[in-house]
Amino acid sequence: MGNIPTRRAYVTTDDGRRLLYSVRDGEVELVEHLLNEVWDIDIIEGIYLLTALVHAIFGGHLLVIKGLLQCGANAQVKDCCGQTPLHITARNGFLEGVQHVIETEDVHPESTR
């Protein structure tokens, strides 16, 4: 399938920041509410180009990860180092997260995409 081009939408609104912070903190109900308000679920934050999905992975919040992916979060968006959420999840040893990202995105574990 190759590299999937992605549009980079940087966090510029309070709702975007609230989404990222609530994802990072694992606030499932607030995340669900904010997903209805934020225009782009794949907004990017900071110099490391982190998405809400990556924040959820770093926090180990499996329910938030599942919710984001069900709402259409793109698990192919790369960070500043060229890593996808699957790479980051595996590198952090978050096996449940790895399994869910693979199942949701139909990604082969040895894939480089």
N, C-alpha and C. Protein backbone atom coordinates (compact mmCIF):
# COMPACT_ATOMS: atom_id res chain seq x y z
N MET A 1 0.82 -1.20 0.00
CA MET A 1 0.00 0.00 0.00
C MET A 1 0.86 1.26 0.00
N GLY A 2 2.12 1.16 0.45
CA GLY A 2 3.01 2.30 0.40
C GLY A 2 2.70 3.34 1.46
N ASN A 3 3.33 4.48 1.33
CA ASN A 3 3.08 5.56 2.27
C ASN A 3 1.76 6.23 1.98
N ILE A 4 1.01 6.47 3.00
CA ILE A 4 -0.28 7.13 2.87
C ILE A 4 -0.06 8.61 3.14
N PRO A 5 -0.34 9.49 2.17
CA PRO A 5 -0.16 10.91 2.43
C PRO A 5 -1.15 11.38 3.48
N THR A 6 -0.70 12.21 4.38
CA THR A 6 -1.59 12.72 5.42
C THR A 6 -1.54 14.23 5.44
N ARG A 7 -2.66 14.80 5.76
CA ARG A 7 -2.76 16.25 5.92
C ARG A 7 -2.39 16.57 7.35
N ARG A 8 -1.53 17.51 7.55
CA ARG A 8 -1.13 17.90 8.89
C ARG A 8 -1.99 19.07 9.36
N ALA A 9 -2.79 18.85 10.38
CA ALA A 9 -3.61 19.90 10.97
C ALA A 9 -3.09 20.11 12.39
N TYR A 10 -2.51 21.25 12.64
CA TYR A 10 -1.92 21.52 13.94
C TYR A 10 -2.97 22.04 14.91
N VAL A 11 -2.75 21.78 16.19
CA VAL A 11 -3.68 22.22 17.23
C VAL A 11 -3.70 23.74 17.27
N THR A 12 -4.86 24.31 17.01
CA THR A 12 -4.99 25.77 17.06
C THR A 12 -6.20 26.21 17.85
N THR A 13 -7.00 25.27 18.32
CA THR A 13 -8.21 25.64 19.04
C THR A 13 -8.17 25.09 20.46
N ASP A 14 -8.95 25.73 21.33
CA ASP A 14 -9.04 25.23 22.70
C ASP A 14 -9.63 23.82 22.72
N ASP A 15 -10.62 23.54 21.83
CA ASP A 15 -11.20 22.21 21.80
C ASP A 15 -10.16 21.17 21.39
N GLY A 16 -9.28 21.53 20.46
CA GLY A 16 -8.22 20.61 20.06
C GLY A 16 -7.28 20.32 21.20
N ARG A 17 -6.92 21.35 21.95
CA ARG A 17 -6.04 21.15 23.11
C ARG A 17 -6.75 20.32 24.18
N ARG A 18 -8.02 20.62 24.42
CA ARG A 18 -8.78 19.85 25.41
C ARG A 18 -8.86 18.39 25.02
N LEU A 19 -9.02 18.11 23.73
CA LEU A 19 -9.06 16.72 23.26
C LEU A 19 -7.74 16.03 23.58
N LEU A 20 -6.64 16.65 23.21
CA LEU A 20 -5.34 16.03 23.43
C LEU A 20 -5.06 15.82 24.92
N TYR A 21 -5.40 16.80 25.74
CA TYR A 21 -5.15 16.67 27.18
C TYR A 21 -6.04 15.61 27.80
N SER A 22 -7.30 15.53 27.39
CA SER A 22 -8.20 14.53 27.95
C SER A 22 -7.81 13.13 27.49
N VAL A 23 -7.31 13.00 26.26
CA VAL A 23 -6.80 11.72 25.77
C VAL A 23 -5.59 11.30 26.58
N ARG A 24 -4.67 12.23 26.76
CA ARG A 24 -3.45 11.95 27.52
C ARG A 24 -3.77 11.48 28.94
N ASP A 25 -4.82 12.08 29.54
CA ASP A 25 -5.18 11.76 30.92
C ASP A 25 -6.16 10.59 31.03
N GLY A 26 -6.62 10.06 29.88
CA GLY A 26 -7.50 8.90 29.89
C GLY A 26 -8.92 9.20 30.31
N GLU A 27 -9.38 10.42 30.10
CA GLU A 27 -10.74 10.82 30.48
C GLU A 27 -11.71 10.42 29.37
N VAL A 28 -12.17 9.17 29.42
CA VAL A 28 -12.95 8.56 28.36
C VAL A 28 -14.21 9.36 28.03
N GLU A 29 -14.99 9.74 29.03
CA GLU A 29 -16.25 10.46 28.78
C GLU A 29 -16.00 11.82 28.14
N LEU A 30 -14.98 12.53 28.59
CA LEU A 30 -14.67 13.83 28.00
C LEU A 30 -14.17 13.66 26.57
N VAL A 31 -13.38 12.63 26.31
CA VAL A 31 -12.91 12.35 24.96
C VAL A 31 -14.10 12.12 24.03
N GLU A 32 -15.05 11.30 24.47
CA GLU A 32 -16.25 11.04 23.65
C GLU A 32 -16.99 12.32 23.33
N HIS A 33 -17.14 13.19 24.32
CA HIS A 33 -17.82 14.47 24.11
C HIS A 33 -17.05 15.35 23.12
N LEU A 34 -15.75 15.44 23.31
CA LEU A 34 -14.94 16.32 22.47
C LEU A 34 -14.81 15.83 21.04
N LEU A 35 -14.90 14.53 20.83
CA LEU A 35 -14.81 14.00 19.47
C LEU A 35 -15.95 14.52 18.60
N ASN A 36 -17.04 14.91 19.20
CA ASN A 36 -18.15 15.49 18.46
C ASN A 36 -17.90 16.95 18.10
N GLU A 37 -16.94 17.60 18.77
CA GLU A 37 -16.68 19.02 18.56
C GLU A 37 -15.44 19.32 17.73
N VAL A 38 -14.46 18.45 17.78
CA VAL A 38 -13.18 18.71 17.10
C VAL A 38 -13.29 18.30 15.64
N TRP A 39 -12.91 19.19 14.74
CA TRP A 39 -13.10 18.95 13.31
C TRP A 39 -12.11 17.96 12.73
N ASP A 40 -10.99 17.73 13.38
CA ASP A 40 -10.00 16.81 12.84
C ASP A 40 -9.43 15.96 13.97
N ILE A 41 -9.77 14.68 13.96
CA ILE A 41 -9.33 13.77 15.02
C ILE A 41 -7.82 13.54 14.97
N ASP A 42 -7.20 13.81 13.84
CA ASP A 42 -5.76 13.58 13.67
C ASP A 42 -4.95 14.85 13.81
N ILE A 43 -5.42 15.78 14.64
CA ILE A 43 -4.66 17.01 14.85
C ILE A 43 -3.29 16.67 15.44
N ILE A 44 -2.32 17.50 15.10
CA ILE A 44 -0.93 17.29 15.48
C ILE A 44 -0.54 18.30 16.55
N GLU A 45 0.23 17.83 17.52
CA GLU A 45 0.68 18.75 18.57
C GLU A 45 2.20 18.75 18.67
N GLY A 46 2.74 19.94 18.82
CA GLY A 46 4.14 20.13 19.16
C GLY A 46 5.14 19.76 18.10
N ILE A 47 6.39 19.91 18.47
CA ILE A 47 7.48 19.66 17.53
C ILE A 47 7.65 18.18 17.21
N TYR A 48 7.08 17.32 18.06
CA TYR A 48 7.21 15.89 17.83
C TYR A 48 6.08 15.33 16.95
N LEU A 49 5.13 16.19 16.58
CA LEU A 49 4.04 15.82 15.68
C LEU A 49 3.19 14.68 16.23
N LEU A 50 2.78 14.81 17.47
CA LEU A 50 2.01 13.76 18.13
C LEU A 50 0.51 13.97 17.93
N THR A 51 -0.19 12.88 17.61
CA THR A 51 -1.64 12.91 17.46
C THR A 51 -2.30 12.48 18.77
N ALA A 52 -3.61 12.62 18.82
CA ALA A 52 -4.37 12.17 19.98
C ALA A 52 -4.15 10.67 20.20
N LEU A 53 -4.10 9.91 19.12
CA LEU A 53 -3.90 8.47 19.24
C LEU A 53 -2.57 8.16 19.92
N VAL A 54 -1.53 8.88 19.57
CA VAL A 54 -0.22 8.65 20.19
C VAL A 54 -0.25 9.05 21.67
N HIS A 55 -0.94 10.14 22.00
CA HIS A 55 -1.07 10.53 23.41
C HIS A 55 -1.76 9.41 24.20
N ALA A 56 -2.79 8.81 23.63
CA ALA A 56 -3.50 7.71 24.30
C ALA A 56 -2.57 6.51 24.48
N ILE A 57 -1.74 6.24 23.48
CA ILE A 57 -0.79 5.13 23.55
C ILE A 57 0.22 5.37 24.67
N PHE A 58 0.79 6.57 24.71
CA PHE A 58 1.76 6.89 25.76
C PHE A 58 1.14 6.76 27.14
N GLY A 59 -0.16 7.10 27.26
CA GLY A 59 -0.84 6.99 28.54
C GLY A 59 -1.29 5.58 28.87
N GLY A 60 -1.23 4.68 27.89
CA GLY A 60 -1.68 3.30 28.11
C GLY A 60 -3.18 3.18 28.26
N HIS A 61 -3.93 4.07 27.63
CA HIS A 61 -5.39 4.13 27.78
C HIS A 61 -6.08 3.35 26.66
N LEU A 62 -6.25 2.04 26.86
CA LEU A 62 -6.78 1.17 25.83
C LEU A 62 -8.19 1.58 25.39
N LEU A 63 -9.05 1.95 26.33
CA LEU A 63 -10.41 2.36 25.95
C LEU A 63 -10.40 3.60 25.07
N VAL A 64 -9.51 4.52 25.36
CA VAL A 64 -9.40 5.74 24.55
C VAL A 64 -8.85 5.39 23.17
N ILE A 65 -7.86 4.52 23.12
CA ILE A 65 -7.30 4.07 21.84
C ILE A 65 -8.39 3.45 20.98
N LYS A 66 -9.16 2.55 21.57
CA LYS A 66 -10.25 1.90 20.84
C LYS A 66 -11.25 2.93 20.33
N GLY A 67 -11.63 3.88 21.19
CA GLY A 67 -12.58 4.90 20.79
C GLY A 67 -12.08 5.77 19.65
N LEU A 68 -10.82 6.18 19.75
CA LEU A 68 -10.25 7.02 18.69
C LEU A 68 -10.22 6.27 17.35
N LEU A 69 -9.79 5.02 17.39
CA LEU A 69 -9.74 4.24 16.15
C LEU A 69 -11.13 4.00 15.58
N GLN A 70 -12.11 3.75 16.45
CA GLN A 70 -13.49 3.56 15.99
C GLN A 70 -14.05 4.83 15.37
N CYS A 71 -13.57 5.99 15.83
CA CYS A 71 -14.03 7.27 15.29
C CYS A 71 -13.24 7.70 14.07
N GLY A 72 -12.31 6.87 13.63
CA GLY A 72 -11.60 7.16 12.39
C GLY A 72 -10.21 7.72 12.52
N ALA A 73 -9.61 7.65 13.71
CA ALA A 73 -8.23 8.13 13.84
C ALA A 73 -7.34 7.35 12.89
N ASN A 74 -6.44 8.05 12.24
CA ASN A 74 -5.54 7.45 11.26
C ASN A 74 -4.31 6.89 11.97
N ALA A 75 -4.18 5.59 11.98
CA ALA A 75 -3.04 4.94 12.64
C ALA A 75 -1.80 4.92 11.76
N GLN A 76 -1.84 5.63 10.64
CA GLN A 76 -0.69 5.69 9.74
C GLN A 76 0.02 7.04 9.79
N VAL A 77 -0.49 7.98 10.58
CA VAL A 77 0.15 9.30 10.68
C VAL A 77 1.47 9.14 11.42
N LYS A 78 2.55 9.62 10.81
CA LYS A 78 3.88 9.46 11.39
C LYS A 78 4.27 10.67 12.23
N ASP A 79 5.06 10.41 13.26
CA ASP A 79 5.58 11.49 14.09
C ASP A 79 6.83 12.08 13.45
N CYS A 80 7.52 12.94 14.17
CA CYS A 80 8.70 13.61 13.62
C CYS A 80 9.84 12.66 13.29
N CYS A 81 9.82 11.47 13.86
CA CYS A 81 10.87 10.47 13.60
C CYS A 81 10.44 9.43 12.58
N GLY A 82 9.24 9.63 12.00
CA GLY A 82 8.76 8.70 10.99
C GLY A 82 8.10 7.45 11.55
N GLN A 83 7.76 7.47 12.84
CA GLN A 83 7.14 6.31 13.46
C GLN A 83 5.62 6.43 13.45
N THR A 84 4.96 5.32 13.17
CA THR A 84 3.49 5.29 13.23
C THR A 84 3.08 4.92 14.65
N PRO A 85 1.79 5.08 14.98
CA PRO A 85 1.32 4.65 16.29
C PRO A 85 1.62 3.19 16.58
N LEU A 86 1.60 2.32 15.57
CA LEU A 86 1.93 0.91 15.79
C LEU A 86 3.37 0.77 16.26
N HIS A 87 4.29 1.48 15.63
CA HIS A 87 5.70 1.43 16.05
C HIS A 87 5.85 1.88 17.50
N ILE A 88 5.18 2.98 17.83
CA ILE A 88 5.29 3.56 19.17
C ILE A 88 4.69 2.61 20.20
N THR A 89 3.55 2.03 19.87
CA THR A 89 2.89 1.10 20.78
C THR A 89 3.78 -0.11 21.05
N ALA A 90 4.36 -0.67 20.01
CA ALA A 90 5.23 -1.83 20.16
C ALA A 90 6.49 -1.47 20.94
N ARG A 91 7.09 -0.33 20.62
CA ARG A 91 8.32 0.09 21.29
C ARG A 91 8.10 0.26 22.79
N ASN A 92 6.90 0.68 23.18
CA ASN A 92 6.59 0.88 24.59
C ASN A 92 6.12 -0.40 25.27
N GLY A 93 6.06 -1.51 24.54
CA GLY A 93 5.69 -2.78 25.13
C GLY A 93 4.23 -2.89 25.52
N PHE A 94 3.39 -2.11 24.87
CA PHE A 94 1.95 -2.08 25.18
C PHE A 94 1.25 -3.10 24.29
N LEU A 95 1.32 -4.37 24.70
CA LEU A 95 0.89 -5.47 23.85
C LEU A 95 -0.60 -5.43 23.50
N GLU A 96 -1.45 -5.05 24.46
CA GLU A 96 -2.89 -4.94 24.16
C GLU A 96 -3.12 -3.86 23.11
N GLY A 97 -2.39 -2.77 23.23
CA GLY A 97 -2.51 -1.69 22.25
C GLY A 97 -2.04 -2.12 20.88
N VAL A 98 -0.94 -2.85 20.82
CA VAL A 98 -0.41 -3.37 19.55
C VAL A 98 -1.47 -4.24 18.88
N GLN A 99 -2.02 -5.16 19.64
CA GLN A 99 -3.03 -6.06 19.09
C GLN A 99 -4.23 -5.29 18.56
N HIS A 100 -4.68 -4.29 19.29
CA HIS A 100 -5.86 -3.55 18.84
C HIS A 100 -5.57 -2.71 17.59
N VAL A 101 -4.42 -2.07 17.54
CA VAL A 101 -4.06 -1.27 16.36
C VAL A 101 -3.96 -2.18 15.14
N ILE A 102 -3.34 -3.34 15.30
CA ILE A 102 -3.21 -4.27 14.18
C ILE A 102 -4.58 -4.73 13.70
N GLU A 103 -5.45 -5.11 14.63
CA GLU A 103 -6.79 -5.59 14.27
C GLU A 103 -7.62 -4.49 13.61
N THR A 104 -7.54 -3.30 14.13
CA THR A 104 -8.35 -2.19 13.62
C THR A 104 -7.86 -1.73 12.27
N GLU A 105 -6.58 -1.64 12.11
CA GLU A 105 -6.01 -1.08 10.88
C GLU A 105 -5.65 -2.14 9.86
N ASP A 106 -5.84 -3.41 10.19
CA ASP A 106 -5.49 -4.50 9.28
C ASP A 106 -4.04 -4.35 8.83
N VAL A 107 -3.17 -4.17 9.80
CA VAL A 107 -1.74 -3.98 9.55
C VAL A 107 -1.02 -5.26 9.92
N HIS A 108 -0.12 -5.69 9.05
CA HIS A 108 0.71 -6.86 9.36
C HIS A 108 1.80 -6.40 10.33
N PRO A 109 2.07 -7.18 11.40
CA PRO A 109 3.06 -6.76 12.40
C PRO A 109 4.43 -6.42 11.84
N GLU A 110 4.82 -7.00 10.71
CA GLU A 110 6.14 -6.72 10.13
C GLU A 110 6.09 -5.60 9.10
N SER A 111 4.95 -4.97 8.97
CA SER A 111 4.78 -3.91 7.99
C SER A 111 5.64 -2.70 8.33
N THR A 112 6.11 -2.02 7.31
CA THR A 112 6.89 -0.80 7.52
C THR A 112 6.05 0.43 7.20
N ARG A 113 4.79 0.24 6.86
CA ARG A 113 3.96 1.39 6.51
C ARG A 113 3.44 2.11 7.70
